[in-house]
C-alpha atoms as a PDB file:
ATOM      1  CA  UNK A   1      -0.018   0.042  -0.040  1.00  0.00           C
ATOM      2  CA  UNK A   2       1.304   3.455  -1.046  1.00  0.00           C
ATOM      3  CA  UNK A   3      -0.049   6.685   0.650  1.00  0.00           C
ATOM      4  CA  UNK A   4       0.518   9.902  -1.204  1.00  0.00           C
ATOM      5  CA  UNK A   5       0.082  13.349   0.301  1.00  0.00           C
ATOM      6  CA  UNK A   6      -0.076  16.281  -1.994  1.00  0.00           C
ATOM      7  CA  UNK A   7       0.442  20.019  -0.929  1.00  0.00           C
ATOM      8  CA  UNK A   8       1.318  23.401  -2.407  1.00  0.00           C
ATOM      9  CA  UNK A   9      -2.010  24.308  -4.118  1.00  0.00           C
ATOM     10  CA  UNK A  10      -3.550  27.605  -3.887  1.00  0.00           C
ATOM     11  CA  UNK A  11      -4.870  30.770  -5.571  1.00  0.00           C
ATOM     12  CA  UNK A  12      -2.499  32.598  -8.052  1.00  0.00           C
ATOM     13  CA  UNK A  13      -2.989  35.171 -10.662  1.00  0.00           C
ATOM     14  CA  UNK A  14      -2.403  34.486 -14.352  1.00  0.00           C
ATOM     15  CA  UNK A  15       1.440  34.381 -15.208  1.00  0.00           C
ATOM     16  CA  UNK A  16       2.285  33.172 -11.755  1.00  0.00           C
ATOM     17  CA  UNK A  17       3.996  30.164 -10.381  1.00  0.00           C
ATOM     18  CA  UNK A  18       3.229  27.259  -8.075  1.00  0.00           C
ATOM     19  CA  UNK A  19       5.221  24.296  -6.809  1.00  0.00           C
ATOM     20  CA  UNK A  20       3.134  21.125  -5.935  1.00  0.00           C
ATOM     21  CA  UNK A  21       4.683  18.504  -3.805  1.00  0.00           C
ATOM     22  CA  UNK A  22       3.712  14.904  -3.462  1.00  0.00           C
ATOM     23  CA  UNK A  23       5.155  12.913  -0.512  1.00  0.00           C
ATOM     24  CA  UNK A  24       5.152   9.047  -0.676  1.00  0.00           C
ATOM     25  CA  UNK A  25       4.918   6.611   2.253  1.00  0.00           C
ATOM     26  CA  UNK A  26       7.546   4.443   0.676  1.00  0.00           C
ATOM     27  CA  UNK A  27      10.913   4.845  -1.135  1.00  0.00           C
ATOM     28  CA  UNK A  28       9.954   6.204  -4.509  1.00  0.00           C
ATOM     29  CA  UNK A  29      12.572   4.151  -6.177  1.00  0.00           C
ATOM     30  CA  UNK A  30      10.375   1.183  -5.763  1.00  0.00           C
ATOM     31  CA  UNK A  31       7.562   3.173  -7.563  1.00  0.00           C
ATOM     32  CA  UNK A  32       7.571   2.515 -11.525  1.00  0.00           C
ATOM     33  CA  UNK A  33       5.829   5.713 -12.431  1.00  0.00           C
ATOM     34  CA  UNK A  34       4.737   8.755 -10.573  1.00  0.00           C
ATOM     35  CA  UNK A  35       2.685  11.476 -11.988  1.00  0.00           C
ATOM     36  CA  UNK A  36       0.515  14.433 -11.760  1.00  0.00           C
ATOM     37  CA  UNK A  37      -3.018  14.409 -13.034  1.00  0.00           C
ATOM     38  CA  UNK A  38      -5.734  17.118 -12.972  1.00  0.00           C
ATOM     39  CA  UNK A  39      -9.517  17.435 -13.144  1.00  0.00           C
ATOM     40  CA  UNK A  40     -11.340  20.578 -13.917  1.00  0.00           C
ATOM     41  CA  UNK A  41     -14.987  21.260 -13.112  1.00  0.00           C
ATOM     42  CA  UNK A  42     -17.095  19.240 -15.638  1.00  0.00           C
ATOM     43  CA  UNK A  43     -14.114  17.556 -17.300  1.00  0.00           C
ATOM     44  CA  UNK A  44     -12.515  14.259 -17.090  1.00  0.00           C
ATOM     45  CA  UNK A  45      -9.259  13.643 -15.114  1.00  0.00           C
ATOM     46  CA  UNK A  46      -6.155  13.992 -17.495  1.00  0.00           C
ATOM     47  CA  UNK A  47      -2.613  13.179 -17.069  1.00  0.00           C
ATOM     48  CA  UNK A  48      -0.433  16.304 -16.791  1.00  0.00           C
ATOM     49  CA  UNK A  49       3.242  14.997 -16.347  1.00  0.00           C
ATOM     50  CA  UNK A  50       4.783  11.613 -15.349  1.00  0.00           C
ATOM     51  CA  UNK A  51       8.332  10.568 -14.455  1.00  0.00           C
ATOM     52  CA  UNK A  52       9.574   7.087 -14.515  1.00  0.00           C
ATOM     53  CA  UNK A  53      11.856   5.316 -11.990  1.00  0.00           C
ATOM     54  CA  UNK A  54      14.628   5.749 -14.506  1.00  0.00           C
ATOM     55  CA  UNK A  55      13.984   9.580 -14.743  1.00  0.00           C
ATOM     56  CA  UNK A  56      12.069   9.651 -17.978  1.00  0.00           C
ATOM     57  CA  UNK A  57       9.477  12.386 -18.270  1.00  0.00           C
ATOM     58  CA  UNK A  58       6.432  13.016 -20.280  1.00  0.00           C
ATOM     59  CA  UNK A  59       4.118  16.072 -20.467  1.00  0.00           C
ATOM     60  CA  UNK A  60       0.640  16.768 -21.991  1.00  0.00           C
ATOM     61  CA  UNK A  61       1.181  19.229 -24.808  1.00  0.00           C
ATOM     62  CA  UNK A  62      -0.733  22.011 -23.046  1.00  0.00           C
ATOM     63  CA  UNK A  63       1.885  22.272 -20.266  1.00  0.00           C
ATOM     64  CA  UNK A  64       5.108  21.662 -22.169  1.00  0.00           C
ATOM     65  CA  UNK A  65       7.659  24.307 -21.516  1.00  0.00           C
ATOM     66  CA  UNK A  66       5.736  25.622 -18.543  1.00  0.00           C
ATOM     67  CA  UNK A  67       5.621  22.814 -16.150  1.00  0.00           C
ATOM     68  CA  UNK A  68       8.334  20.575 -14.693  1.00  0.00           C
ATOM     69  CA  UNK A  69       8.127  17.190 -12.937  1.00  0.00           C
ATOM     70  CA  UNK A  70      10.945  16.208 -10.872  1.00  0.00           C
ATOM     71  CA  UNK A  71      11.785  13.584  -7.953  1.00  0.00           C
ATOM     72  CA  UNK A  72      13.765  13.768  -4.864  1.00  0.00           C
ATOM     73  CA  UNK A  73      14.454  10.206  -3.699  1.00  0.00           C
ATOM     74  CA  UNK A  74      16.066  11.465  -0.518  1.00  0.00           C
ATOM     75  CA  UNK A  75      12.835  12.807   0.521  1.00  0.00           C
ATOM     76  CA  UNK A  76      10.495  10.297  -1.418  1.00  0.00           C
ATOM     77  CA  UNK A  77       8.674  13.260  -2.814  1.00  0.00           C
ATOM     78  CA  UNK A  78       7.792  14.253  -6.363  1.00  0.00           C
ATOM     79  CA  UNK A  79       7.351  17.834  -7.400  1.00  0.00           C
ATOM     80  CA  UNK A  80       5.498  19.738  -9.996  1.00  0.00           C
ATOM     81  CA  UNK A  81       6.858  23.204 -10.680  1.00  0.00           C
ATOM     82  CA  UNK A  82       4.219  25.212 -12.570  1.00  0.00           C
ATOM     83  CA  UNK A  83       5.110  28.445 -14.281  1.00  0.00           C
ATOM     84  CA  UNK A  84       3.394  30.840 -16.549  1.00  0.00           C
ATOM     85  CA  UNK A  85      -0.029  29.595 -15.124  1.00  0.00           C
ATOM     86  CA  UNK A  86      -3.159  30.498 -16.906  1.00  0.00           C
ATOM     87  CA  UNK A  87      -6.873  30.198 -15.936  1.00  0.00           C
ATOM     88  CA  UNK A  88      -7.110  26.856 -18.123  1.00  0.00           C
ATOM     89  CA  UNK A  89      -4.741  25.400 -15.518  1.00  0.00           C
ATOM     90  CA  UNK A  90      -7.336  25.610 -12.720  1.00  0.00           C
ATOM     91  CA  UNK A  91      -8.221  22.140 -11.485  1.00  0.00           C
ATOM     92  CA  UNK A  92      -7.813  19.835  -8.679  1.00  0.00           C
ATOM     93  CA  UNK A  93      -4.405  18.351  -9.185  1.00  0.00           C
ATOM     94  CA  UNK A  94      -3.792  14.643  -8.028  1.00  0.00           C
ATOM     95  CA  UNK A  95      -0.540  12.630  -7.478  1.00  0.00           C
ATOM     96  CA  UNK A  96      -0.357   9.107  -8.821  1.00  0.00           C
ATOM     97  CA  UNK A  97       1.935   6.211  -8.172  1.00  0.00           C
ATOM     98  CA  UNK A  98       1.976   3.174 -10.326  1.00  0.00           C
ATOM     99  CA  UNK A  99       3.637   0.089  -8.819  1.00  0.00           C
ATOM    100  CA  UNK A 100       4.142  -3.270 -10.535  1.00  0.00           C
ATOM    101  CA  UNK A 101       4.198  -6.016  -8.096  1.00  0.00           C
ATOM    102  CA  UNK A 102       4.502  -9.568  -9.266  1.00  0.00           C
ATOM    103  CA  UNK A 103       3.390  -8.472 -12.690  1.00  0.00           C
ATOM    104  CA  UNK A 104       0.281  -6.743 -11.528  1.00  0.00           C
ATOM    105  CA  UNK A 105       0.175  -2.917 -11.746  1.00  0.00           C
ATOM    106  CA  UNK A 106      -1.441  -1.004  -8.908  1.00  0.00           C
ATOM    107  CA  UNK A 107      -2.336   2.605  -8.989  1.00  0.00           C
ATOM    108  CA  UNK A 108      -2.428   4.843  -6.001  1.00  0.00           C
ATOM    109  CA  UNK A 109      -3.895   8.279  -5.794  1.00  0.00           C
ATOM    110  CA  UNK A 110      -3.487  11.187  -3.369  1.00  0.00           C
ATOM    111  CA  UNK A 111      -6.365  13.230  -2.067  1.00  0.00           C
ATOM    112  CA  UNK A 112      -5.770  16.162  -4.350  1.00  0.00           C
ATOM    113  CA  UNK A 113      -5.039  19.729  -4.110  1.00  0.00           C
ATOM    114  CA  UNK A 114      -6.647  22.741  -5.672  1.00  0.00           C
ATOM    115  CA  UNK A 115      -4.993  24.986  -8.046  1.00  0.00           C
ATOM    116  CA  UNK A 116      -7.047  28.079  -9.014  1.00  0.00           C
ATOM    117  CA  UNK A 117      -5.645  30.722 -11.626  1.00  0.00           C
ATOM    118  CA  UNK A 118      -7.433  34.014 -11.725  1.00  0.00           C
ATOM    119  CA  UNK A 119      -7.207  36.202 -14.869  1.00  0.00           C
END
């Protein structure tokens, strides 16, 4: 079982920055993929950025060049640095951990943190 706790959300003006943190209850080197997802009101949850245990990253097109995902294995934490925020980034942001155990992939979610960008 993996527990994830997000923090760092809040209200920011367009053009501003926020950094989200996701602290895992286990060592993140044992987690295959960690990522950030978001869900805006009335929309489906979508992936924003992911990072694998080997350090490979992937981003949705709408955040490329503005968001950066990183991990600190010493703190068992994954970060999402969000710059040049715009109102379309407003959503609840969720941390997710995918762990493969004995060939079975299990996904764990955090409770979410609200990000609101005002125009």
